[in-house]
Amino acid sequence: MHGHEGLTGRRGPGHGERFLFSVALVAVSLLWITQDMATWATAVCALGAAAGVAGACYFGWRYIRARGHSH
């Protein structure tokens, strides 16, 4: 059932879309980290930026590899 498309016929987000979501997470986290916030909120923004960078590297690599194998 992992590959089941459901009633809409739409698949889940691909590696390229997940890469863009990760880049957006980095951008938003870095914008919020510039605000004057509590220490815990700044730490959460830093963690969000780090997770976004890790996701962008991972999904970017997977996207490049998938595109290379499709030709």
PDB file of N, CA and C in Angstrom:
ATOM      1  N   MET A   1       0.821  -1.185   0.000  1.00  0.00           N
ATOM      2  CA  MET A   1       0.000   0.000   0.000  1.00  0.00           C
ATOM      3  C   MET A   1       0.868   1.254   0.000  1.00  0.00           C
ATOM      4  N   HIS A   2       2.176   1.080   0.083  1.00  0.00           N
ATOM      5  CA  HIS A   2       3.083   2.217   0.098  1.00  0.00           C
ATOM      6  C   HIS A   2       2.965   3.039  -1.193  1.00  0.00           C
ATOM      7  N   GLY A   3       2.803   2.384  -2.316  1.00  0.00           N
ATOM      8  CA  GLY A   3       2.712   3.086  -3.584  1.00  0.00           C
ATOM      9  C   GLY A   3       1.301   3.464  -3.976  1.00  0.00           C
ATOM     10  N   HIS A   4       0.332   3.252  -3.101  1.00  0.00           N
ATOM     11  CA  HIS A   4      -1.060   3.560  -3.408  1.00  0.00           C
ATOM     12  C   HIS A   4      -1.248   5.061  -3.537  1.00  0.00           C
ATOM     13  N   GLU A   5      -1.873   5.487  -4.619  1.00  0.00           N
ATOM     14  CA  GLU A   5      -2.035   6.911  -4.896  1.00  0.00           C
ATOM     15  C   GLU A   5      -3.264   7.524  -4.257  1.00  0.00           C
ATOM     16  N   GLY A   6      -4.164   6.728  -3.739  1.00  0.00           N
ATOM     17  CA  GLY A   6      -5.344   7.279  -3.096  1.00  0.00           C
ATOM     18  C   GLY A   6      -6.387   7.731  -4.098  1.00  0.00           C
ATOM     19  N   LEU A   7      -7.348   8.463  -3.630  1.00  0.00           N
ATOM     20  CA  LEU A   7      -8.459   8.899  -4.480  1.00  0.00           C
ATOM     21  C   LEU A   7      -8.086  10.038  -5.414  1.00  0.00           C
ATOM     22  N   THR A   8      -7.099  10.829  -5.038  1.00  0.00           N
ATOM     23  CA  THR A   8      -6.746  11.989  -5.859  1.00  0.00           C
ATOM     24  C   THR A   8      -5.853  11.623  -7.029  1.00  0.00           C
ATOM     25  N   GLY A   9      -5.157  10.484  -6.963  1.00  0.00           N
ATOM     26  CA  GLY A   9      -4.239  10.108  -8.025  1.00  0.00           C
ATOM     27  C   GLY A   9      -2.934  10.850  -7.967  1.00  0.00           C
ATOM     28  N   ARG A  10      -2.716  11.617  -6.920  1.00  0.00           N
ATOM     29  CA  ARG A  10      -1.480  12.397  -6.781  1.00  0.00           C
ATOM     30  C   ARG A  10      -0.479  11.640  -5.923  1.00  0.00           C
ATOM     31  N   ARG A  11       0.751  11.621  -6.371  1.00  0.00           N
ATOM     32  CA  ARG A  11       1.819  11.006  -5.598  1.00  0.00           C
ATOM     33  C   ARG A  11       2.304  11.981  -4.523  1.00  0.00           C
ATOM     34  N   GLY A  12       3.126  11.523  -3.642  1.00  0.00           N
ATOM     35  CA  GLY A  12       3.699  12.383  -2.606  1.00  0.00           C
ATOM     36  C   GLY A  12       4.748  13.312  -3.198  1.00  0.00           C
ATOM     37  N   PRO A  13       5.256  14.239  -2.388  1.00  0.00           N
ATOM     38  CA  PRO A  13       6.279  15.160  -2.902  1.00  0.00           C
ATOM     39  C   PRO A  13       7.549  14.409  -3.279  1.00  0.00           C
ATOM     40  N   GLY A  14       8.129  14.796  -4.387  1.00  0.00           N
ATOM     41  CA  GLY A  14       9.365  14.178  -4.849  1.00  0.00           C
ATOM     42  C   GLY A  14      10.577  14.802  -4.182  1.00  0.00           C
ATOM     43  N   HIS A  15      11.748  14.332  -4.591  1.00  0.00           N
ATOM     44  CA  HIS A  15      12.988  14.833  -3.988  1.00  0.00           C
ATOM     45  C   HIS A  15      13.204  16.312  -4.292  1.00  0.00           C
ATOM     46  N   GLY A  16      12.827  16.744  -5.487  1.00  0.00           N
ATOM     47  CA  GLY A  16      12.985  18.156  -5.838  1.00  0.00           C
ATOM     48  C   GLY A  16      12.108  19.057  -4.992  1.00  0.00           C
ATOM     49  N   GLU A  17      10.873  18.634  -4.758  1.00  0.00           N
ATOM     50  CA  GLU A  17       9.966  19.423  -3.924  1.00  0.00           C
ATOM     51  C   GLU A  17      10.439  19.445  -2.474  1.00  0.00           C
ATOM     52  N   ARG A  18      10.907  18.320  -1.992  1.00  0.00           N
ATOM     53  CA  ARG A  18      11.414  18.268  -0.615  1.00  0.00           C
ATOM     54  C   ARG A  18      12.668  19.111  -0.463  1.00  0.00           C
ATOM     55  N   PHE A  19      13.502  19.175  -1.509  1.00  0.00           N
ATOM     56  CA  PHE A  19      14.667  20.046  -1.491  1.00  0.00           C
ATOM     57  C   PHE A  19      14.234  21.502  -1.343  1.00  0.00           C
ATOM     58  N   LEU A  20      13.222  21.898  -2.109  1.00  0.00           N
ATOM     59  CA  LEU A  20      12.744  23.284  -2.033  1.00  0.00           C
ATOM     60  C   LEU A  20      12.126  23.589  -0.668  1.00  0.00           C
ATOM     61  N   PHE A  21      11.400  22.626  -0.084  1.00  0.00           N
ATOM     62  CA  PHE A  21      10.862  22.816   1.265  1.00  0.00           C
ATOM     63  C   PHE A  21      11.994  23.007   2.271  1.00  0.00           C
ATOM     64  N   SER A  22      13.066  22.257   2.116  1.00  0.00           N
ATOM     65  CA  SER A  22      14.208  22.374   3.026  1.00  0.00           C
ATOM     66  C   SER A  22      14.869  23.740   2.899  1.00  0.00           C
ATOM     67  N   VAL A  23      15.012  24.220   1.680  1.00  0.00           N
ATOM     68  CA  VAL A  23      15.596  25.545   1.467  1.00  0.00           C
ATOM     69  C   VAL A  23      14.700  26.618   2.085  1.00  0.00           C
ATOM     70  N   ALA A  24      13.388  26.450   1.950  1.00  0.00           N
ATOM     71  CA  ALA A  24      12.457  27.399   2.556  1.00  0.00           C
ATOM     72  C   ALA A  24      12.571  27.370   4.082  1.00  0.00           C
ATOM     73  N   LEU A  25      12.746  26.192   4.663  1.00  0.00           N
ATOM     74  CA  LEU A  25      12.920  26.089   6.114  1.00  0.00           C
ATOM     75  C   LEU A  25      14.170  26.822   6.567  1.00  0.00           C
ATOM     76  N   VAL A  26      15.247  26.699   5.809  1.00  0.00           N
ATOM     77  CA  VAL A  26      16.478  27.431   6.130  1.00  0.00           C
ATOM     78  C   VAL A  26      16.227  28.933   6.075  1.00  0.00           C
ATOM     79  N   ALA A  27      15.568  29.395   5.016  1.00  0.00           N
ATOM     80  CA  ALA A  27      15.328  30.831   4.853  1.00  0.00           C
ATOM     81  C   ALA A  27      14.471  31.377   5.983  1.00  0.00           C
ATOM     82  N   VAL A  28      13.384  30.700   6.295  1.00  0.00           N
ATOM     83  CA  VAL A  28      12.490  31.179   7.353  1.00  0.00           C
ATOM     84  C   VAL A  28      13.186  31.144   8.709  1.00  0.00           C
ATOM     85  N   SER A  29      13.927  30.084   8.977  1.00  0.00           N
ATOM     86  CA  SER A  29      14.633  29.986  10.260  1.00  0.00           C
ATOM     87  C   SER A  29      15.660  31.098  10.405  1.00  0.00           C
ATOM     88  N   LEU A  30      16.388  31.376   9.336  1.00  0.00           N
ATOM     89  CA  LEU A  30      17.396  32.432   9.420  1.00  0.00           C
ATOM     90  C   LEU A  30      16.763  33.813   9.535  1.00  0.00           C
ATOM     91  N   LEU A  31      15.598  34.001   8.923  1.00  0.00           N
ATOM     92  CA  LEU A  31      14.907  35.282   9.093  1.00  0.00           C
ATOM     93  C   LEU A  31      14.421  35.463  10.527  1.00  0.00           C
ATOM     94  N   TRP A  32      13.866  34.398  11.117  1.00  0.00           N
ATOM     95  CA  TRP A  32      13.373  34.491  12.488  1.00  0.00           C
ATOM     96  C   TRP A  32      14.499  34.632  13.497  1.00  0.00           C
ATOM     97  N   ILE A  33      15.667  34.056  13.199  1.00  0.00           N
ATOM     98  CA  ILE A  33      16.774  34.110  14.158  1.00  0.00           C
ATOM     99  C   ILE A  33      17.293  35.541  14.326  1.00  0.00           C
ATOM    100  N   THR A  34      16.987  36.427  13.366  1.00  0.00           N
ATOM    101  CA  THR A  34      17.428  37.819  13.465  1.00  0.00           C
ATOM    102  C   THR A  34      16.560  38.627  14.428  1.00  0.00           C
ATOM    103  N   GLN A  35      15.407  38.073  14.836  1.00  0.00           N
ATOM    104  CA  GLN A  35      14.512  38.785  15.748  1.00  0.00           C
ATOM    105  C   GLN A  35      15.014  38.671  17.189  1.00  0.00           C
ATOM    106  N   ASP A  36      14.632  39.630  18.003  1.00  0.00           N
ATOM    107  CA  ASP A  36      14.984  39.609  19.421  1.00  0.00           C
ATOM    108  C   ASP A  36      13.996  38.690  20.141  1.00  0.00           C
ATOM    109  N   MET A  37      14.455  37.466  20.461  1.00  0.00           N
ATOM    110  CA  MET A  37      13.584  36.463  21.069  1.00  0.00           C
ATOM    111  C   MET A  37      14.270  35.868  22.291  1.00  0.00           C
ATOM    112  N   ALA A  38      13.523  35.024  22.978  1.00  0.00           N
ATOM    113  CA  ALA A  38      14.085  34.303  24.111  1.00  0.00           C
ATOM    114  C   ALA A  38      15.158  33.329  23.610  1.00  0.00           C
ATOM    115  N   THR A  39      16.017  32.923  24.509  1.00  0.00           N
ATOM    116  CA  THR A  39      17.122  32.034  24.149  1.00  0.00           C
ATOM    117  C   THR A  39      16.621  30.715  23.576  1.00  0.00           C
ATOM    118  N   TRP A  40      15.547  30.166  24.168  1.00  0.00           N
ATOM    119  CA  TRP A  40      15.048  28.880  23.679  1.00  0.00           C
ATOM    120  C   TRP A  40      14.495  29.009  22.261  1.00  0.00           C
ATOM    121  N   ALA A  41      13.875  30.157  21.946  1.00  0.00           N
ATOM    122  CA  ALA A  41      13.325  30.359  20.610  1.00  0.00           C
ATOM    123  C   ALA A  41      14.448  30.516  19.577  1.00  0.00           C
ATOM    124  N   THR A  42      15.518  31.185  19.960  1.00  0.00           N
ATOM    125  CA  THR A  42      16.675  31.313  19.074  1.00  0.00           C
ATOM    126  C   THR A  42      17.291  29.946  18.816  1.00  0.00           C
ATOM    127  N   ALA A  43      17.344  29.103  19.856  1.00  0.00           N
ATOM    128  CA  ALA A  43      17.881  27.752  19.700  1.00  0.00           C
ATOM    129  C   ALA A  43      17.001  26.915  18.758  1.00  0.00           C
ATOM    130  N   VAL A  44      15.683  27.077  18.867  1.00  0.00           N
ATOM    131  CA  VAL A  44      14.779  26.350  17.970  1.00  0.00           C
ATOM    132  C   VAL A  44      14.991  26.804  16.527  1.00  0.00           C
ATOM    133  N   CYS A  45      15.191  28.092  16.312  1.00  0.00           N
ATOM    134  CA  CYS A  45      15.456  28.596  14.966  1.00  0.00           C
ATOM    135  C   CYS A  45      16.777  28.052  14.423  1.00  0.00           C
ATOM    136  N   ALA A  46      17.789  27.976  15.272  1.00  0.00           N
ATOM    137  CA  ALA A  46      19.073  27.416  14.845  1.00  0.00           C
ATOM    138  C   ALA A  46      18.928  25.938  14.488  1.00  0.00           C
ATOM    139  N   LEU A  47      18.156  25.206  15.284  1.00  0.00           N
ATOM    140  CA  LEU A  47      17.908  23.798  14.966  1.00  0.00           C
ATOM    141  C   LEU A  47      17.132  23.653  13.659  1.00  0.00           C
ATOM    142  N   GLY A  48      16.171  24.534  13.429  1.00  0.00           N
ATOM    143  CA  GLY A  48      15.417  24.512  12.183  1.00  0.00           C
ATOM    144  C   GLY A  48      16.305  24.784  10.977  1.00  0.00           C
ATOM    145  N   ALA A  49      17.211  25.743  11.123  1.00  0.00           N
ATOM    146  CA  ALA A  49      18.137  26.046  10.030  1.00  0.00           C
ATOM    147  C   ALA A  49      19.069  24.866   9.770  1.00  0.00           C
ATOM    148  N   ALA A  50      19.568  24.250  10.839  1.00  0.00           N
ATOM    149  CA  ALA A  50      20.453  23.091  10.679  1.00  0.00           C
ATOM    150  C   ALA A  50      19.715  21.919  10.033  1.00  0.00           C
ATOM    151  N   ALA A  51      18.480  21.682  10.453  1.00  0.00           N
ATOM    152  CA  ALA A  51      17.689  20.602   9.860  1.00  0.00           C
ATOM    153  C   ALA A  51      17.398  20.904   8.392  1.00  0.00           C
ATOM    154  N   GLY A  52      17.140  22.153   8.072  1.00  0.00           N
ATOM    155  CA  GLY A  52      16.901  22.536   6.685  1.00  0.00           C
ATOM    156  C   GLY A  52      18.124  22.332   5.805  1.00  0.00           C
ATOM    157  N   VAL A  53      19.293  22.670   6.321  1.00  0.00           N
ATOM    158  CA  VAL A  53      20.531  22.458   5.568  1.00  0.00           C
ATOM    159  C   VAL A  53      20.770  20.966   5.349  1.00  0.00           C
ATOM    160  N   ALA A  54      20.561  20.177   6.395  1.00  0.00           N
ATOM    161  CA  ALA A  54      20.736  18.726   6.265  1.00  0.00           C
ATOM    162  C   ALA A  54      19.750  18.158   5.252  1.00  0.00           C
ATOM    163  N   GLY A  55      18.493  18.605   5.322  1.00  0.00           N
ATOM    164  CA  GLY A  55      17.487  18.139   4.372  1.00  0.00           C
ATOM    165  C   GLY A  55      17.794  18.569   2.952  1.00  0.00           C
ATOM    166  N   ALA A  56      18.269  19.788   2.786  1.00  0.00           N
ATOM    167  CA  ALA A  56      18.600  20.274   1.448  1.00  0.00           C
ATOM    168  C   ALA A  56      19.753  19.464   0.853  1.00  0.00           C
ATOM    169  N   CYS A  57      20.743  19.148   1.658  1.00  0.00           N
ATOM    170  CA  CYS A  57      21.857  18.326   1.170  1.00  0.00           C
ATOM    171  C   CYS A  57      21.374  16.933   0.802  1.00  0.00           C
ATOM    172  N   TYR A  58      20.593  16.326   1.681  1.00  0.00           N
ATOM    173  CA  TYR A  58      20.119  14.957   1.450  1.00  0.00           C
ATOM    174  C   TYR A  58      19.202  14.869   0.235  1.00  0.00           C
ATOM    175  N   PHE A  59      18.168  15.711   0.198  1.00  0.00           N
ATOM    176  CA  PHE A  59      17.212  15.632  -0.895  1.00  0.00           C
ATOM    177  C   PHE A  59      17.793  16.177  -2.200  1.00  0.00           C
ATOM    178  N   GLY A  60      18.701  17.129  -2.117  1.00  0.00           N
ATOM    179  CA  GLY A  60      19.377  17.598  -3.324  1.00  0.00           C
ATOM    180  C   GLY A  60      20.222  16.494  -3.946  1.00  0.00           C
ATOM    181  N   TRP A  61      20.940  15.762  -3.098  1.00  0.00           N
ATOM    182  CA  TRP A  61      21.752  14.646  -3.576  1.00  0.00           C
ATOM    183  C   TRP A  61      20.864  13.558  -4.176  1.00  0.00           C
ATOM    184  N   ARG A  62      19.764  13.231  -3.492  1.00  0.00           N
ATOM    185  CA  ARG A  62      18.846  12.206  -3.991  1.00  0.00           C
ATOM    186  C   ARG A  62      18.224  12.653  -5.323  1.00  0.00           C
ATOM    187  N   TYR A  63      17.895  13.930  -5.458  1.00  0.00           N
ATOM    188  CA  TYR A  63      17.314  14.449  -6.691  1.00  0.00           C
ATOM    189  C   TYR A  63      18.313  14.330  -7.845  1.00  0.00           C
ATOM    190  N   ILE A  64      19.543  14.717  -7.591  1.00  0.00           N
ATOM    191  CA  ILE A  64      20.576  14.635  -8.627  1.00  0.00           C
ATOM    192  C   ILE A  64      20.797  13.185  -9.049  1.00  0.00           C
ATOM    193  N   ARG A  65      20.868  12.288  -8.078  1.00  0.00           N
ATOM    194  CA  ARG A  65      21.072  10.871  -8.397  1.00  0.00           C
ATOM    195  C   ARG A  65      19.890  10.297  -9.159  1.00  0.00           C
ATOM    196  N   ALA A  66      18.663  10.672  -8.785  1.00  0.00           N
ATOM    197  CA  ALA A  66      17.474  10.159  -9.476  1.00  0.00           C
ATOM    198  C   ALA A  66      17.430  10.678 -10.907  1.00  0.00           C
ATOM    199  N   ARG A  67      17.817  11.920 -11.120  1.00  0.00           N
ATOM    200  CA  ARG A  67      17.823  12.477 -12.469  1.00  0.00           C
ATOM    201  C   ARG A  67      18.897  11.821 -13.322  1.00  0.00           C
ATOM    202  N   GLY A  68      20.035  11.498 -12.714  1.00  0.00           N
ATOM    203  CA  GLY A  68      21.120  10.855 -13.441  1.00  0.00           C
ATOM    204  C   GLY A  68      20.780   9.441 -13.875  1.00  0.00           C
ATOM    205  N   HIS A  69      20.000   8.733 -13.050  1.00  0.00           N
ATOM    206  CA  HIS A  69      19.637   7.355 -13.368  1.00  0.00           C
ATOM    207  C   HIS A  69      18.454   7.265 -14.319  1.00  0.00           C
ATOM    208  N   SER A  70      17.737   8.369 -14.510  1.00  0.00           N
ATOM    209  CA  SER A  70      16.545   8.310 -15.358  1.00  0.00           C
ATOM    210  C   SER A  70      16.898   8.408 -16.842  1.00  0.00           C
ATOM    211  N   HIS A  71      18.110   8.820 -17.161  1.00  0.00           N
ATOM    212  CA  HIS A  71      18.470   8.958 -18.579  1.00  0.00           C
ATOM    213  C   HIS A  71      19.248   7.776 -19.052  1.00  0.00           C
TER     214      HIS A  71
END
